[in-house]
Protein backbone atom coordinates (compact mmCIF):
# COMPACT_ATOMS: atom_id res chain seq x y z
CA UNK A 1 11.59 -22.69 -22.43
CA UNK A 2 11.95 -26.04 -20.66
CA UNK A 3 10.96 -25.94 -17.00
CA UNK A 4 13.26 -27.59 -14.50
CA UNK A 5 11.67 -30.38 -12.52
CA UNK A 6 12.29 -31.36 -8.94
CA UNK A 7 11.74 -34.62 -7.11
CA UNK A 8 8.54 -33.10 -5.82
CA UNK A 9 7.34 -32.40 -9.39
CA UNK A 10 8.14 -35.96 -10.44
CA UNK A 11 6.19 -37.29 -7.49
CA UNK A 12 3.19 -35.27 -8.55
CA UNK A 13 3.25 -36.73 -12.06
CA UNK A 14 3.02 -40.25 -10.65
CA UNK A 15 -0.36 -39.61 -9.02
CA UNK A 16 -3.09 -41.76 -10.53
CA UNK A 17 -6.50 -40.37 -11.41
CA UNK A 18 -7.99 -42.21 -8.44
CA UNK A 19 -5.40 -40.68 -6.08
CA UNK A 20 -6.14 -37.21 -7.39
CA UNK A 21 -9.86 -37.73 -6.86
CA UNK A 22 -9.16 -38.89 -3.31
CA UNK A 23 -7.11 -35.72 -2.64
CA UNK A 24 -9.88 -33.53 -4.06
CA UNK A 25 -13.07 -33.24 -2.03
CA UNK A 26 -14.78 -29.94 -2.77
CA UNK A 27 -16.25 -28.37 0.36
CA UNK A 28 -17.15 -24.72 -0.34
CA UNK A 29 -17.64 -22.78 2.89
CA UNK A 30 -20.66 -20.48 2.81
CA UNK A 31 -21.62 -18.03 5.60
CA UNK A 32 -24.51 -20.31 6.63
CA UNK A 33 -22.19 -23.30 6.92
CA UNK A 34 -19.78 -21.25 8.98
CA UNK A 35 -22.56 -20.29 11.41
CA UNK A 36 -23.46 -23.95 11.87
CA UNK A 37 -19.84 -24.90 12.45
CA UNK A 38 -19.17 -22.17 15.00
CA UNK A 39 -21.43 -22.96 17.92
CA UNK A 40 -19.86 -20.44 20.28
CA UNK A 41 -17.39 -17.62 19.76
CA UNK A 42 -16.60 -14.21 21.17
CA UNK A 43 -15.57 -11.43 18.82
CA UNK A 44 -17.00 -8.58 20.86
CA UNK A 45 -13.86 -6.48 20.36
CA UNK A 46 -14.94 -5.93 16.74
CA UNK A 47 -18.18 -4.21 15.77
CA UNK A 48 -19.56 -5.13 12.37
CA UNK A 49 -22.59 -4.34 10.29
CA UNK A 50 -23.57 -5.23 6.76
CA UNK A 51 -23.65 -2.43 4.21
CA UNK A 52 -24.51 -2.03 0.57
CA UNK A 53 -22.30 -0.21 -1.88
CA UNK A 54 -24.58 2.83 -1.74
CA UNK A 55 -23.44 3.25 1.86
CA UNK A 56 -19.72 3.16 1.07
CA UNK A 57 -19.35 6.92 0.62
CA UNK A 58 -17.82 7.37 4.08
CA UNK A 59 -15.46 4.39 3.85
CA UNK A 60 -11.82 5.32 3.39
CA UNK A 61 -10.66 4.41 -0.09
CA UNK A 62 -12.60 3.56 -3.21
CA UNK A 63 -12.72 0.20 -4.97
CA UNK A 64 -10.27 0.21 -7.86
CA UNK A 65 -12.20 -2.36 -9.86
CA UNK A 66 -15.60 -2.76 -11.46
CA UNK A 67 -18.48 -4.82 -10.14
CA UNK A 68 -17.84 -4.50 -6.42
CA UNK A 69 -19.60 -6.98 -4.15
CA UNK A 70 -23.03 -6.12 -2.80
CA UNK A 71 -22.28 -8.13 0.33
CA UNK A 72 -19.57 -6.19 2.16
CA UNK A 73 -19.15 -5.91 5.91
CA UNK A 74 -17.99 -2.65 7.46
CA UNK A 75 -15.61 -3.17 10.38
CA UNK A 76 -14.84 -0.91 13.32
CA UNK A 77 -11.74 -2.29 15.04
CA UNK A 78 -10.77 -0.50 18.27
CA UNK A 79 -7.28 0.22 19.51
CA UNK A 80 -6.19 -2.75 21.70
CA UNK A 81 -4.87 -0.26 24.28
CA UNK A 82 -8.03 1.84 24.34
CA UNK A 83 -11.22 0.09 23.29
CA UNK A 84 -13.05 3.41 23.09
CA UNK A 85 -10.89 4.53 20.17
CA UNK A 86 -11.62 3.09 16.72
CA UNK A 87 -8.25 2.39 15.12
CA UNK A 88 -9.36 0.76 11.87
CA UNK A 89 -12.51 1.43 9.85
CA UNK A 90 -12.83 -0.43 6.56
CA UNK A 91 -15.00 -2.88 4.64
CA UNK A 92 -14.35 -6.58 4.09
CA UNK A 93 -16.02 -9.00 1.71
CA UNK A 94 -18.83 -10.79 3.55
CA UNK A 95 -17.92 -14.29 2.40
CA UNK A 96 -14.26 -13.66 3.22
CA UNK A 97 -15.16 -12.41 6.71
CA UNK A 98 -17.22 -15.54 7.36
CA UNK A 99 -14.33 -17.78 6.35
CA UNK A 100 -11.90 -15.76 8.49
CA UNK A 101 -14.30 -16.18 11.41
CA UNK A 102 -14.05 -19.92 10.88
CA UNK A 103 -10.24 -19.78 10.83
CA UNK A 104 -10.17 -17.59 13.93
CA UNK A 105 -12.47 -19.94 15.80
CA UNK A 106 -10.31 -22.94 14.85
CA UNK A 107 -7.13 -21.20 16.02
CA UNK A 108 -8.40 -19.70 19.29
CA UNK A 109 -10.95 -22.29 20.37
CA UNK A 110 -9.66 -25.54 18.84
CA UNK A 111 -5.87 -25.21 19.11
CA UNK A 112 -5.03 -24.88 15.41
CA UNK A 113 -2.92 -22.32 13.56
CA UNK A 114 -3.93 -20.30 10.52
CA UNK A 115 -1.68 -20.18 7.45
CA UNK A 116 -3.15 -18.12 4.59
CA UNK A 117 -1.38 -17.67 1.26
CA UNK A 118 -2.05 -14.59 -0.88
CA UNK A 119 -0.73 -14.79 -4.45
CA UNK A 120 -0.83 -12.33 -7.32
CA UNK A 121 1.20 -10.02 -9.49
CA UNK A 122 3.12 -7.11 -8.02
CA UNK A 123 0.92 -4.03 -7.61
CA UNK A 124 -2.35 -5.96 -7.48
CA UNK A 125 -2.85 -5.32 -3.74
CA UNK A 126 -1.46 -8.33 -1.88
CA UNK A 127 -0.02 -6.13 0.89
CA UNK A 128 -3.30 -4.26 1.27
CA UNK A 129 -5.45 -7.37 1.57
CA UNK A 130 -2.93 -9.07 3.86
CA UNK A 131 -2.91 -6.08 6.22
CA UNK A 132 -6.69 -5.97 6.38
CA UNK A 133 -6.91 -9.68 7.16
CA UNK A 134 -4.14 -9.39 9.76
CA UNK A 135 -5.84 -6.62 11.78
CA UNK A 136 -9.17 -8.43 11.59
CA UNK A 137 -7.69 -11.66 12.94
CA UNK A 138 -5.39 -9.86 15.38
CA UNK A 139 -6.10 -6.21 16.32
CA UNK A 140 -2.60 -5.96 17.87
CA UNK A 141 -0.96 -6.48 14.45
CA UNK A 142 1.65 -3.82 13.74
CA UNK A 143 4.71 -3.06 11.61
CA UNK A 144 6.98 -5.20 13.83
CA UNK A 145 5.21 -8.27 12.47
CA UNK A 146 5.22 -7.17 8.84
CA UNK A 147 8.29 -8.94 7.41
CA UNK A 148 10.22 -8.51 4.18
CA UNK A 149 13.04 -11.04 4.65
CA UNK A 150 13.28 -14.60 5.89
CA UNK A 151 15.31 -13.46 8.90
CA UNK A 152 12.64 -10.92 9.88
CA UNK A 153 9.99 -13.61 9.38
CA UNK A 154 11.73 -16.11 11.64
CA UNK A 155 12.46 -13.45 14.27
CA UNK A 156 8.83 -12.31 14.30
CA UNK A 157 7.57 -15.89 14.70
CA UNK A 158 9.98 -16.56 17.56
CA UNK A 159 9.00 -13.33 19.33
CA UNK A 160 5.26 -13.49 18.74
CA UNK A 161 2.72 -14.18 21.45
CA UNK A 162 -0.16 -16.63 21.14
CA UNK A 163 -2.83 -15.82 18.56
CA UNK A 164 -0.88 -12.99 16.95
CA UNK A 165 -0.71 -12.36 13.20
CA UNK A 166 2.46 -12.15 11.10
CA UNK A 167 2.64 -11.07 7.45
CA UNK A 168 5.49 -12.01 5.14
CA UNK A 169 5.32 -9.41 2.39
CA UNK A 170 7.34 -10.44 -0.67
CA UNK A 171 7.34 -7.13 -2.53
CA UNK A 172 10.88 -6.79 -3.87
CA UNK A 173 11.80 -9.91 -5.81
CA UNK A 174 13.29 -11.43 -2.65
CA UNK A 175 12.11 -14.88 -3.77
CA UNK A 176 12.61 -14.36 -7.50
CA UNK A 177 15.34 -16.97 -7.97
CA UNK A 178 14.88 -20.72 -7.69
CA UNK A 179 17.61 -20.91 -5.05
CA UNK A 180 16.01 -18.19 -2.90
CA UNK A 181 12.62 -19.87 -3.09
CA UNK A 182 14.12 -23.25 -2.15
CA UNK A 183 15.82 -21.67 0.85
CA UNK A 184 12.59 -19.94 1.87
CA UNK A 185 10.66 -23.21 1.70
CA UNK A 186 13.19 -24.64 4.16
CA UNK A 187 12.76 -21.60 6.42
CA UNK A 188 9.03 -22.22 6.44
CA UNK A 189 9.63 -25.57 8.11
CA UNK A 190 11.35 -23.76 11.00
CA UNK A 191 8.41 -21.39 11.34
CA UNK A 192 5.78 -24.13 11.33
CA UNK A 193 6.78 -25.30 14.82
CA UNK A 194 6.34 -21.76 16.18
CA UNK A 195 3.03 -21.44 14.35
CA UNK A 196 1.69 -24.61 15.91
CA UNK A 197 2.88 -24.06 19.48
CA UNK A 198 1.71 -20.42 19.58
CA UNK A 199 -1.43 -20.78 17.44
CA UNK A 200 -0.27 -18.01 15.12
CA UNK A 201 -1.96 -16.49 12.10
CA UNK A 202 0.56 -16.45 9.26
CA UNK A 203 -0.22 -14.56 6.05
CA UNK A 204 2.22 -15.21 3.23
CA UNK A 205 2.27 -12.84 0.22
CA UNK A 206 4.07 -14.28 -2.80
CA UNK A 207 3.85 -13.69 -6.56
CA UNK A 208 3.02 -17.29 -7.46
CA UNK A 209 1.36 -19.98 -5.36
CA UNK A 210 3.01 -22.77 -7.37
CA UNK A 211 6.50 -21.74 -6.23
CA UNK A 212 5.73 -23.18 -2.80
CA UNK A 213 6.78 -26.74 -2.08
CA UNK A 214 4.08 -29.36 -2.00
CA UNK A 215 3.90 -29.70 1.77
CA UNK A 216 3.22 -26.02 2.67
CA UNK A 217 1.09 -25.46 -0.43
CA UNK A 218 -1.16 -28.50 -0.24
CA UNK A 219 -1.12 -29.73 3.32
CA UNK A 220 0.04 -26.98 5.68
CA UNK A 221 -1.71 -23.86 4.39
CA UNK A 222 -5.29 -23.21 5.44
CA UNK A 223 -6.39 -21.51 2.24
CA UNK A 224 -5.36 -19.43 -0.76
CA UNK A 225 -6.47 -16.00 -1.95
CA UNK A 226 -5.45 -15.41 -5.57
CA UNK A 227 -5.62 -11.76 -6.63
CA UNK A 228 -6.32 -11.94 -10.36
CA UNK A 229 -7.06 -8.23 -10.80
CA UNK A 230 -6.43 -5.17 -8.65
CA UNK A 231 -9.10 -5.24 -5.95
CA UNK A 232 -10.46 -8.67 -7.00
CA UNK A 233 -9.60 -12.09 -5.57
CA UNK A 234 -10.59 -15.71 -5.81
CA UNK A 235 -10.75 -17.72 -2.57
CA UNK A 236 -9.69 -21.37 -2.41
CA UNK A 237 -10.43 -23.39 0.70
CA UNK A 238 -8.20 -26.22 1.92
CA UNK A 239 -9.43 -28.91 -0.46
CA UNK A 240 -9.94 -26.71 -3.52
CA UNK A 241 -6.43 -25.32 -3.02
CA UNK A 242 -5.07 -28.87 -3.12
CA UNK A 243 -6.93 -29.50 -6.36
CA UNK A 244 -5.50 -26.30 -7.85
CA UNK A 245 -1.93 -27.26 -6.90
CA UNK A 246 -2.25 -30.77 -8.32
CA UNK A 247 -3.80 -29.66 -11.61
CA UNK A 248 -2.29 -26.22 -12.11
CA UNK A 249 1.36 -26.59 -11.07
CA UNK A 250 2.61 -28.15 -14.29
CA UNK A 251 1.79 -25.01 -16.30
CA UNK A 252 1.55 -22.54 -13.39
CA UNK A 253 -2.11 -22.04 -14.29
CA UNK A 254 -4.95 -21.01 -11.98
CA UNK A 255 -7.33 -23.10 -14.07
CA UNK A 256 -9.44 -24.43 -11.17
CA UNK A 257 -12.45 -22.27 -10.23
CA UNK A 258 -12.25 -20.79 -6.70
CA UNK A 259 -14.92 -21.42 -4.07
CA UNK A 260 -15.95 -17.78 -4.42
CA UNK A 261 -14.72 -14.46 -5.79
CA UNK A 262 -14.66 -11.26 -3.79
CA UNK A 263 -13.56 -7.65 -3.68
CA UNK A 264 -11.43 -5.48 -1.43
CA UNK A 265 -10.77 -1.77 -0.98
CA UNK A 266 -7.59 0.28 -0.79
CA UNK A 267 -7.50 0.73 3.01
CA UNK A 268 -4.00 0.02 4.37
CA UNK A 269 -3.86 -0.50 8.18
CA UNK A 270 -0.18 0.37 8.76
CA UNK A 271 1.53 3.73 8.66
CA UNK A 272 2.46 4.02 4.99
CA UNK A 273 5.62 6.06 5.54
CA UNK A 274 6.99 3.68 8.19
CA UNK A 275 6.05 0.69 6.04
CA UNK A 276 7.85 2.11 3.02
CA UNK A 277 10.93 2.88 5.13
CA UNK A 278 11.14 -0.66 6.48
CA UNK A 279 10.63 -2.10 3.01
CA UNK A 280 13.29 0.15 1.47
CA UNK A 281 15.78 -0.76 4.20
CA UNK A 282 15.15 -4.44 3.47
CA UNK A 283 15.61 -3.88 -0.26
CA UNK A 284 18.92 -2.07 0.26
CA UNK A 285 20.15 -4.81 2.57
CA UNK A 286 19.05 -7.50 0.11
CA UNK A 287 20.76 -5.77 -2.84
CA UNK A 288 23.95 -5.26 -0.82
CA UNK A 289 24.15 -8.95 0.06
CA UNK A 290 23.38 -9.90 -3.53
CA UNK A 291 26.12 -7.58 -4.82
CA UNK A 292 28.67 -8.90 -2.30
CA UNK A 293 27.83 -12.48 -3.24
CA UNK A 294 28.27 -11.76 -6.95
CA UNK A 295 31.58 -10.00 -6.26
CA UNK A 296 32.82 -13.00 -4.28
CA UNK A 297 31.85 -15.37 -7.10
CA UNK A 298 33.76 -13.25 -9.61
CA UNK A 299 36.85 -13.32 -7.41
CA UNK A 300 36.70 -17.10 -7.22
CA UNK A 301 36.57 -17.29 -11.02
């Protein structure tokens, strides 16, 4: 099957080897490097402690993969309305937590925004990992800011307060066509201004990282988490993500090693029933619009 090419694809092919090398500067971010970078921060609203897998018996959910990380951090996240009540209790990969601390510091203390892409096949756990990251970065995260359509995404960004997290959860083939993905890439441009002015955390769940346009994929996103197996992910920082996009886009191949690989558990921070209801409503609405559009096209013929 011959793949269609866009102007953006053609531009990528014209990059010289020297230009690619200039784009690619590997800077893996370890926990020790994060500690050096963050000279002062205040995350007192979250209590953490390091645990080993032998201590995971009381953690909700079990890892649905083999070879779970020895370096996990157990989080107790209180209810924003009542700090005495623990609302979320789950474990997070230690390296991932350190990198999220860096992102959080940059957003809150240094006036940046945080745009994280999570890619992977349907059913591999993108929604689960996105929800865990969202409540860690923003304990006020709730279903109102979990979005299934572009309209919901834009509305959430416009209504969000500073430093809040928004998840776009592509779980229903909403972006499956080339036209839908092109339209969504344009919608992202509208959201970027809200992200920047409000210092938002945006977490974008999509099946394939390479479907994003070059600007959001290479230059605007903070990092990429690629879920290659249920409960297992590879983490790409800003520069390694750029290298992956430049080298892997032609064949849609994740053939660049990530900065590190990690694990995550099944814990889902939102009410599952309410989440499913909102998702199903979005699916019905999407299918209705799709059906009406097809009917209109047939009438024109």
